Amino acid sequence: MAQATGAEEPAEARRLLWQGVWLALLLGAPLAVAVTGLGALLERFGIAPATAELTRAYLFARLPGLVPFLVFVACRSYLQA
């Protein structure tokens, strides 16, 4: 995006922004599944059950913000360029 902005090609920068937004939307579900699966395996990594339960609660509370965060990162990159 920075190269497109520097080359005074705003259409290319906007195209890259939308690619980032679509990528965030498409990768949100697989990443959510991965986070959920990781939360289920915490005890196998040697984490105490009480700590694992609290960690799972934290991970599940953060899941709804995953896709908006990824979209934010794409928009931030566009605005910084």
PDB file of N, CA and C in Angstrom:
ATOM      1  N   MET A   1       0.818  -1.180   0.000  1.00  0.00           N
ATOM      2  CA  MET A   1       0.000   0.000   0.000  1.00  0.00           C
ATOM      3  C   MET A   1       0.869   1.253   0.000  1.00  0.00           C
ATOM      4  N   ALA A   2       1.951   1.204   0.731  1.00  0.00           N
ATOM      5  CA  ALA A   2       2.824   2.371   0.780  1.00  0.00           C
ATOM      6  C   ALA A   2       3.435   2.639  -0.590  1.00  0.00           C
ATOM      7  N   GLN A   3       3.799   1.589  -1.312  1.00  0.00           N
ATOM      8  CA  GLN A   3       4.367   1.787  -2.643  1.00  0.00           C
ATOM      9  C   GLN A   3       3.337   2.369  -3.591  1.00  0.00           C
ATOM     10  N   ALA A   4       2.099   1.875  -3.515  1.00  0.00           N
ATOM     11  CA  ALA A   4       1.050   2.396  -4.386  1.00  0.00           C
ATOM     12  C   ALA A   4       0.745   3.852  -4.046  1.00  0.00           C
ATOM     13  N   THR A   5       0.726   4.167  -2.775  1.00  0.00           N
ATOM     14  CA  THR A   5       0.469   5.551  -2.367  1.00  0.00           C
ATOM     15  C   THR A   5       1.615   6.453  -2.808  1.00  0.00           C
ATOM     16  N   GLY A   6       2.850   5.983  -2.618  1.00  0.00           N
ATOM     17  CA  GLY A   6       4.015   6.770  -3.026  1.00  0.00           C
ATOM     18  C   GLY A   6       4.097   6.965  -4.524  1.00  0.00           C
ATOM     19  N   ALA A   7       3.607   5.987  -5.282  1.00  0.00           N
ATOM     20  CA  ALA A   7       3.610   6.093  -6.742  1.00  0.00           C
ATOM     21  C   ALA A   7       2.391   6.861  -7.256  1.00  0.00           C
ATOM     22  N   GLU A   8       1.627   7.433  -6.314  1.00  0.00           N
ATOM     23  CA  GLU A   8       0.416   8.191  -6.646  1.00  0.00           C
ATOM     24  C   GLU A   8      -0.557   7.364  -7.467  1.00  0.00           C
ATOM     25  N   GLU A   9      -0.794   6.144  -6.996  1.00  0.00           N
ATOM     26  CA  GLU A   9      -1.777   5.243  -7.598  1.00  0.00           C
ATOM     27  C   GLU A   9      -2.824   4.894  -6.549  1.00  0.00           C
ATOM     28  N   PRO A  10      -3.747   5.821  -6.280  1.00  0.00           N
ATOM     29  CA  PRO A  10      -4.725   5.573  -5.219  1.00  0.00           C
ATOM     30  C   PRO A  10      -5.656   4.397  -5.517  1.00  0.00           C
ATOM     31  N   ALA A  11      -5.916   4.136  -6.778  1.00  0.00           N
ATOM     32  CA  ALA A  11      -6.782   3.002  -7.118  1.00  0.00           C
ATOM     33  C   ALA A  11      -6.129   1.679  -6.707  1.00  0.00           C
ATOM     34  N   GLU A  12      -4.833   1.581  -6.909  1.00  0.00           N
ATOM     35  CA  GLU A  12      -4.106   0.366  -6.510  1.00  0.00           C
ATOM     36  C   GLU A  12      -4.091   0.231  -4.989  1.00  0.00           C
ATOM     37  N   ALA A  13      -3.926   1.338  -4.284  1.00  0.00           N
ATOM     38  CA  ALA A  13      -3.936   1.294  -2.821  1.00  0.00           C
ATOM     39  C   ALA A  13      -5.302   0.846  -2.306  1.00  0.00           C
ATOM     40  N   ARG A  14      -6.380   1.356  -2.912  1.00  0.00           N
ATOM     41  CA  ARG A  14      -7.726   0.936  -2.513  1.00  0.00           C
ATOM     42  C   ARG A  14      -7.953  -0.533  -2.819  1.00  0.00           C
ATOM     43  N   ARG A  15      -7.434  -1.005  -3.945  1.00  0.00           N
ATOM     44  CA  ARG A  15      -7.574  -2.415  -4.304  1.00  0.00           C
ATOM     45  C   ARG A  15      -6.876  -3.290  -3.264  1.00  0.00           C
ATOM     46  N   LEU A  16      -5.700  -2.862  -2.832  1.00  0.00           N
ATOM     47  CA  LEU A  16      -4.973  -3.607  -1.809  1.00  0.00           C
ATOM     48  C   LEU A  16      -5.696  -3.567  -0.465  1.00  0.00           C
ATOM     49  N   LEU A  17      -6.321  -2.442  -0.162  1.00  0.00           N
ATOM     50  CA  LEU A  17      -7.118  -2.359   1.063  1.00  0.00           C
ATOM     51  C   LEU A  17      -8.236  -3.391   1.035  1.00  0.00           C
ATOM     52  N   TRP A  18      -8.969  -3.448  -0.069  1.00  0.00           N
ATOM     53  CA  TRP A  18     -10.077  -4.399  -0.157  1.00  0.00           C
ATOM     54  C   TRP A  18      -9.584  -5.840  -0.158  1.00  0.00           C
ATOM     55  N   GLN A  19      -8.421  -6.096  -0.720  1.00  0.00           N
ATOM     56  CA  GLN A  19      -7.858  -7.444  -0.629  1.00  0.00           C
ATOM     57  C   GLN A  19      -7.566  -7.798   0.825  1.00  0.00           C
ATOM     58  N   GLY A  20      -7.057  -6.857   1.577  1.00  0.00           N
ATOM     59  CA  GLY A  20      -6.791  -7.090   2.992  1.00  0.00           C
ATOM     60  C   GLY A  20      -8.061  -7.335   3.781  1.00  0.00           C
ATOM     61  N   VAL A  21      -9.113  -6.582   3.464  1.00  0.00           N
ATOM     62  CA  VAL A  21     -10.396  -6.772   4.159  1.00  0.00           C
ATOM     63  C   VAL A  21     -10.970  -8.151   3.830  1.00  0.00           C
ATOM     64  N   TRP A  22     -10.964  -8.520   2.562  1.00  0.00           N
ATOM     65  CA  TRP A  22     -11.475  -9.843   2.186  1.00  0.00           C
ATOM     66  C   TRP A  22     -10.647 -10.955   2.805  1.00  0.00           C
ATOM     67  N   LEU A  23      -9.349 -10.779   2.834  1.00  0.00           N
ATOM     68  CA  LEU A  23      -8.483 -11.780   3.452  1.00  0.00           C
ATOM     69  C   LEU A  23      -8.795 -11.911   4.943  1.00  0.00           C
ATOM     70  N   ALA A  24      -9.019 -10.800   5.615  1.00  0.00           N
ATOM     71  CA  ALA A  24      -9.381 -10.840   7.033  1.00  0.00           C
ATOM     72  C   ALA A  24     -10.695 -11.579   7.243  1.00  0.00           C
ATOM     73  N   LEU A  25     -11.666 -11.325   6.370  1.00  0.00           N
ATOM     74  CA  LEU A  25     -12.960 -11.999   6.499  1.00  0.00           C
ATOM     75  C   LEU A  25     -12.846 -13.492   6.219  1.00  0.00           C
ATOM     76  N   LEU A  26     -12.034 -13.858   5.243  1.00  0.00           N
ATOM     77  CA  LEU A  26     -11.901 -15.275   4.890  1.00  0.00           C
ATOM     78  C   LEU A  26     -11.079 -16.057   5.909  1.00  0.00           C
ATOM     79  N   LEU A  27     -10.083 -15.425   6.491  1.00  0.00           N
ATOM     80  CA  LEU A  27      -9.224 -16.122   7.447  1.00  0.00           C
ATOM     81  C   LEU A  27      -9.769 -16.096   8.865  1.00  0.00           C
ATOM     82  N   GLY A  28     -10.785 -15.289   9.112  1.00  0.00           N
ATOM     83  CA  GLY A  28     -11.336 -15.196  10.462  1.00  0.00           C
ATOM     84  C   GLY A  28     -11.879 -16.510  10.975  1.00  0.00           C
ATOM     85  N   ALA A  29     -12.641 -17.226  10.161  1.00  0.00           N
ATOM     86  CA  ALA A  29     -13.234 -18.497  10.603  1.00  0.00           C
ATOM     87  C   ALA A  29     -12.172 -19.570  10.856  1.00  0.00           C
ATOM     88  N   PRO A  30     -11.214 -19.796   9.929  1.00  0.00           N
ATOM     89  CA  PRO A  30     -10.191 -20.803  10.233  1.00  0.00           C
ATOM     90  C   PRO A  30      -9.347 -20.455  11.459  1.00  0.00           C
ATOM     91  N   LEU A  31      -9.059 -19.180  11.646  1.00  0.00           N
ATOM     92  CA  LEU A  31      -8.299 -18.785  12.832  1.00  0.00           C
ATOM     93  C   LEU A  31      -9.109 -18.998  14.105  1.00  0.00           C
ATOM     94  N   ALA A  32     -10.408 -18.747  14.045  1.00  0.00           N
ATOM     95  CA  ALA A  32     -11.264 -18.981  15.212  1.00  0.00           C
ATOM     96  C   ALA A  32     -11.301 -20.469  15.558  1.00  0.00           C
ATOM     97  N   VAL A  33     -11.360 -21.310  14.543  1.00  0.00           N
ATOM     98  CA  VAL A  33     -11.339 -22.754  14.781  1.00  0.00           C
ATOM     99  C   VAL A  33     -10.004 -23.166  15.397  1.00  0.00           C
ATOM    100  N   ALA A  34      -8.921 -22.599  14.917  1.00  0.00           N
ATOM    101  CA  ALA A  34      -7.601 -22.926  15.454  1.00  0.00           C
ATOM    102  C   ALA A  34      -7.479 -22.493  16.911  1.00  0.00           C
ATOM    103  N   VAL A  35      -7.967 -21.325  17.242  1.00  0.00           N
ATOM    104  CA  VAL A  35      -7.912 -20.836  18.622  1.00  0.00           C
ATOM    105  C   VAL A  35      -8.768 -21.723  19.523  1.00  0.00           C
ATOM    106  N   THR A  36      -9.937 -22.108  19.047  1.00  0.00           N
ATOM    107  CA  THR A  36     -10.802 -22.986  19.827  1.00  0.00           C
ATOM    108  C   THR A  36     -10.145 -24.341  20.043  1.00  0.00           C
ATOM    109  N   GLY A  37      -9.541 -24.877  18.996  1.00  0.00           N
ATOM    110  CA  GLY A  37      -8.852 -26.159  19.125  1.00  0.00           C
ATOM    111  C   GLY A  37      -7.667 -26.074  20.070  1.00  0.00           C
ATOM    112  N   LEU A  38      -6.950 -24.987  20.004  1.00  0.00           N
ATOM    113  CA  LEU A  38      -5.815 -24.803  20.907  1.00  0.00           C
ATOM    114  C   LEU A  38      -6.284 -24.716  22.352  1.00  0.00           C
ATOM    115  N   GLY A  39      -7.402 -24.046  22.563  1.00  0.00           N
ATOM    116  CA  GLY A  39      -7.956 -23.953  23.911  1.00  0.00           C
ATOM    117  C   GLY A  39      -8.325 -25.307  24.484  1.00  0.00           C
ATOM    118  N   ALA A  40      -8.755 -26.223  23.624  1.00  0.00           N
ATOM    119  CA  ALA A  40      -9.123 -27.560  24.075  1.00  0.00           C
ATOM    120  C   ALA A  40      -7.906 -28.413  24.414  1.00  0.00           C
ATOM    121  N   LEU A  41      -6.740 -28.048  23.919  1.00  0.00           N
ATOM    122  CA  LEU A  41      -5.535 -28.854  24.117  1.00  0.00           C
ATOM    123  C   LEU A  41      -4.591 -28.313  25.200  1.00  0.00           C
ATOM    124  N   LEU A  42      -5.014 -27.354  25.958  1.00  0.00           N
ATOM    125  CA  LEU A  42      -4.109 -26.712  26.907  1.00  0.00           C
ATOM    126  C   LEU A  42      -3.556 -27.687  27.950  1.00  0.00           C
ATOM    127  N   GLU A  43      -4.392 -28.592  28.448  1.00  0.00           N
ATOM    128  CA  GLU A  43      -3.913 -29.547  29.459  1.00  0.00           C
ATOM    129  C   GLU A  43      -2.828 -30.451  28.899  1.00  0.00           C
ATOM    130  N   ARG A  44      -2.908 -30.774  27.619  1.00  0.00           N
ATOM    131  CA  ARG A  44      -1.884 -31.627  27.004  1.00  0.00           C
ATOM    132  C   ARG A  44      -0.524 -30.935  26.920  1.00  0.00           C
ATOM    133  N   PHE A  45      -0.515 -29.624  26.992  1.00  0.00           N
ATOM    134  CA  PHE A  45       0.736 -28.874  26.980  1.00  0.00           C
ATOM    135  C   PHE A  45       1.309 -28.697  28.380  1.00  0.00           C
ATOM    136  N   GLY A  46       0.685 -29.320  29.362  1.00  0.00           N
ATOM    137  CA  GLY A  46       1.192 -29.267  30.721  1.00  0.00           C
ATOM    138  C   GLY A  46       0.686 -28.095  31.541  1.00  0.00           C
ATOM    139  N   ILE A  47      -0.363 -27.455  31.107  1.00  0.00           N
ATOM    140  CA  ILE A  47      -0.925 -26.327  31.850  1.00  0.00           C
ATOM    141  C   ILE A  47      -1.910 -26.870  32.876  1.00  0.00           C
ATOM    142  N   ALA A  48      -1.866 -26.333  34.064  1.00  0.00           N
ATOM    143  CA  ALA A  48      -2.751 -26.786  35.146  1.00  0.00           C
ATOM    144  C   ALA A  48      -4.213 -26.604  34.741  1.00  0.00           C
ATOM    145  N   PRO A  49      -5.086 -27.535  35.138  1.00  0.00           N
ATOM    146  CA  PRO A  49      -6.498 -27.453  34.739  1.00  0.00           C
ATOM    147  C   PRO A  49      -7.185 -26.144  35.121  1.00  0.00           C
ATOM    148  N   ALA A  50      -6.899 -25.608  36.294  1.00  0.00           N
ATOM    149  CA  ALA A  50      -7.532 -24.344  36.698  1.00  0.00           C
ATOM    150  C   ALA A  50      -7.077 -23.198  35.798  1.00  0.00           C
ATOM    151  N   THR A  51      -5.798 -23.182  35.497  1.00  0.00           N
ATOM    152  CA  THR A  51      -5.265 -22.145  34.608  1.00  0.00           C
ATOM    153  C   THR A  51      -5.792 -22.317  33.196  1.00  0.00           C
ATOM    154  N   ALA A  52      -5.892 -23.570  32.752  1.00  0.00           N
ATOM    155  CA  ALA A  52      -6.407 -23.844  31.408  1.00  0.00           C
ATOM    156  C   ALA A  52      -7.855 -23.385  31.275  1.00  0.00           C
ATOM    157  N   GLU A  53      -8.645 -23.582  32.308  1.00  0.00           N
ATOM    158  CA  GLU A  53     -10.047 -23.156  32.263  1.00  0.00           C
ATOM    159  C   GLU A  53     -10.154 -21.636  32.151  1.00  0.00           C
ATOM    160  N   LEU A  54      -9.349 -20.939  32.928  1.00  0.00           N
ATOM    161  CA  LEU A  54      -9.356 -19.467  32.845  1.00  0.00           C
ATOM    162  C   LEU A  54      -8.855 -18.993  31.481  1.00  0.00           C
ATOM    163  N   THR A  55      -7.862 -19.676  30.948  1.00  0.00           N
ATOM    164  CA  THR A  55      -7.319 -19.314  29.641  1.00  0.00           C
ATOM    165  C   THR A  55      -8.351 -19.539  28.550  1.00  0.00           C
ATOM    166  N   ARG A  56      -9.072 -20.656  28.637  1.00  0.00           N
ATOM    167  CA  ARG A  56     -10.136 -20.928  27.658  1.00  0.00           C
ATOM    168  C   ARG A  56     -11.210 -19.849  27.711  1.00  0.00           C
ATOM    169  N   ALA A  57     -11.604 -19.463  28.913  1.00  0.00           N
ATOM    170  CA  ALA A  57     -12.614 -18.408  29.057  1.00  0.00           C
ATOM    171  C   ALA A  57     -12.128 -17.115  28.412  1.00  0.00           C
ATOM    172  N   TYR A  58     -10.856 -16.790  28.615  1.00  0.00           N
ATOM    173  CA  TYR A  58     -10.296 -15.583  28.019  1.00  0.00           C
ATOM    174  C   TYR A  58     -10.279 -15.691  26.490  1.00  0.00           C
ATOM    175  N   LEU A  59      -9.825 -16.839  25.973  1.00  0.00           N
ATOM    176  CA  LEU A  59      -9.761 -17.017  24.515  1.00  0.00           C
ATOM    177  C   LEU A  59     -11.142 -16.928  23.886  1.00  0.00           C
ATOM    178  N   PHE A  60     -12.121 -17.564  24.506  1.00  0.00           N
ATOM    179  CA  PHE A  60     -13.473 -17.545  23.947  1.00  0.00           C
ATOM    180  C   PHE A  60     -14.102 -16.162  24.030  1.00  0.00           C
ATOM    181  N   ALA A  61     -13.732 -15.405  25.057  1.00  0.00           N
ATOM    182  CA  ALA A  61     -14.242 -14.031  25.165  1.00  0.00           C
ATOM    183  C   ALA A  61     -13.640 -13.141  24.084  1.00  0.00           C
ATOM    184  N   ARG A  62     -12.421 -13.445  23.657  1.00  0.00           N
ATOM    185  CA  ARG A  62     -11.744 -12.637  22.645  1.00  0.00           C
ATOM    186  C   ARG A  62     -12.129 -13.013  21.212  1.00  0.00           C
ATOM    187  N   LEU A  63     -12.704 -14.192  21.014  1.00  0.00           N
ATOM    188  CA  LEU A  63     -13.009 -14.656  19.656  1.00  0.00           C
ATOM    189  C   LEU A  63     -13.909 -13.712  18.849  1.00  0.00           C
ATOM    190  N   PRO A  64     -14.962 -13.135  19.420  1.00  0.00           N
ATOM    191  CA  PRO A  64     -15.803 -12.247  18.606  1.00  0.00           C
ATOM    192  C   PRO A  64     -15.061 -11.033  18.039  1.00  0.00           C
ATOM    193  N   GLY A  65     -13.964 -10.655  18.654  1.00  0.00           N
ATOM    194  CA  GLY A  65     -13.203  -9.501  18.174  1.00  0.00           C
ATOM    195  C   GLY A  65     -12.113  -9.844  17.182  1.00  0.00           C
ATOM    196  N   LEU A  66     -11.976 -11.118  16.831  1.00  0.00           N
ATOM    197  CA  LEU A  66     -10.888 -11.527  15.949  1.00  0.00           C
ATOM    198  C   LEU A  66     -11.028 -10.938  14.544  1.00  0.00           C
ATOM    199  N   VAL A  67     -12.165 -11.121  13.921  1.00  0.00           N
ATOM    200  CA  VAL A  67     -12.367 -10.604  12.556  1.00  0.00           C
ATOM    201  C   VAL A  67     -12.322  -9.078  12.535  1.00  0.00           C
ATOM    202  N   PRO A  68     -13.016  -8.379  13.453  1.00  0.00           N
ATOM    203  CA  PRO A  68     -12.885  -6.919  13.442  1.00  0.00           C
ATOM    204  C   PRO A  68     -11.448  -6.445  13.633  1.00  0.00           C
ATOM    205  N   PHE A  69     -10.669  -7.158  14.451  1.00  0.00           N
ATOM    206  CA  PHE A  69      -9.269  -6.776  14.634  1.00  0.00           C
ATOM    207  C   PHE A  69      -8.496  -6.927  13.329  1.00  0.00           C
ATOM    208  N   LEU A  70      -8.714  -8.010  12.601  1.00  0.00           N
ATOM    209  CA  LEU A  70      -8.007  -8.212  11.340  1.00  0.00           C
ATOM    210  C   LEU A  70      -8.403  -7.151  10.307  1.00  0.00           C
ATOM    211  N   VAL A  71      -9.672  -6.790  10.282  1.00  0.00           N
ATOM    212  CA  VAL A  71     -10.119  -5.720   9.375  1.00  0.00           C
ATOM    213  C   VAL A  71      -9.477  -4.393   9.793  1.00  0.00           C
ATOM    214  N   PHE A  72      -9.395  -4.161  11.094  1.00  0.00           N
ATOM    215  CA  PHE A  72      -8.743  -2.950  11.592  1.00  0.00           C
ATOM    216  C   PHE A  72      -7.288  -2.891  11.137  1.00  0.00           C
ATOM    217  N   VAL A  73      -6.580  -4.006  11.186  1.00  0.00           N
ATOM    218  CA  VAL A  73      -5.178  -4.030  10.772  1.00  0.00           C
ATOM    219  C   VAL A  73      -5.056  -3.661   9.293  1.00  0.00           C
ATOM    220  N   ALA A  74      -5.958  -4.182   8.469  1.00  0.00           N
ATOM    221  CA  ALA A  74      -5.937  -3.841   7.048  1.00  0.00           C
ATOM    222  C   ALA A  74      -6.187  -2.347   6.831  1.00  0.00           C
ATOM    223  N   CYS A  75      -7.164  -1.812   7.538  1.00  0.00           N
ATOM    224  CA  CYS A  75      -7.485  -0.375   7.403  1.00  0.00           C
ATOM    225  C   CYS A  75      -6.366   0.499   7.946  1.00  0.00           C
ATOM    226  N   ARG A  76      -5.753   0.064   9.038  1.00  0.00           N
ATOM    227  CA  ARG A  76      -4.641   0.824   9.606  1.00  0.00           C
ATOM    228  C   ARG A  76      -3.464   0.881   8.629  1.00  0.00           C
ATOM    229  N   SER A  77      -3.197  -0.223   7.968  1.00  0.00           N
ATOM    230  CA  SER A  77      -2.108  -0.238   6.986  1.00  0.00           C
ATOM    231  C   SER A  77      -2.393   0.742   5.857  1.00  0.00           C
ATOM    232  N   TYR A  78      -3.633   0.780   5.425  1.00  0.00           N
ATOM    233  CA  TYR A  78      -4.014   1.703   4.355  1.00  0.00           C
ATOM    234  C   TYR A  78      -3.836   3.156   4.808  1.00  0.00           C
ATOM    235  N   LEU A  79      -4.310   3.441   6.013  1.00  0.00           N
ATOM    236  CA  LEU A  79      -4.225   4.827   6.492  1.00  0.00           C
ATOM    237  C   LEU A  79      -2.795   5.242   6.793  1.00  0.00           C
ATOM    238  N   GLN A  80      -1.945   4.319   7.226  1.00  0.00           N
ATOM    239  CA  GLN A  80      -0.559   4.665   7.497  1.00  0.00           C
ATOM    240  C   GLN A  80       0.217   4.901   6.202  1.00  0.00           C
ATOM    241  N   ALA A  81      -0.213   4.250   5.129  1.00  0.00           N
ATOM    242  CA  ALA A  81       0.490   4.430   3.855  1.00  0.00           C
ATOM    243  C   ALA A  81       0.172   5.805   3.317  1.00  0.00           C
TER     244      ALA A  81
END
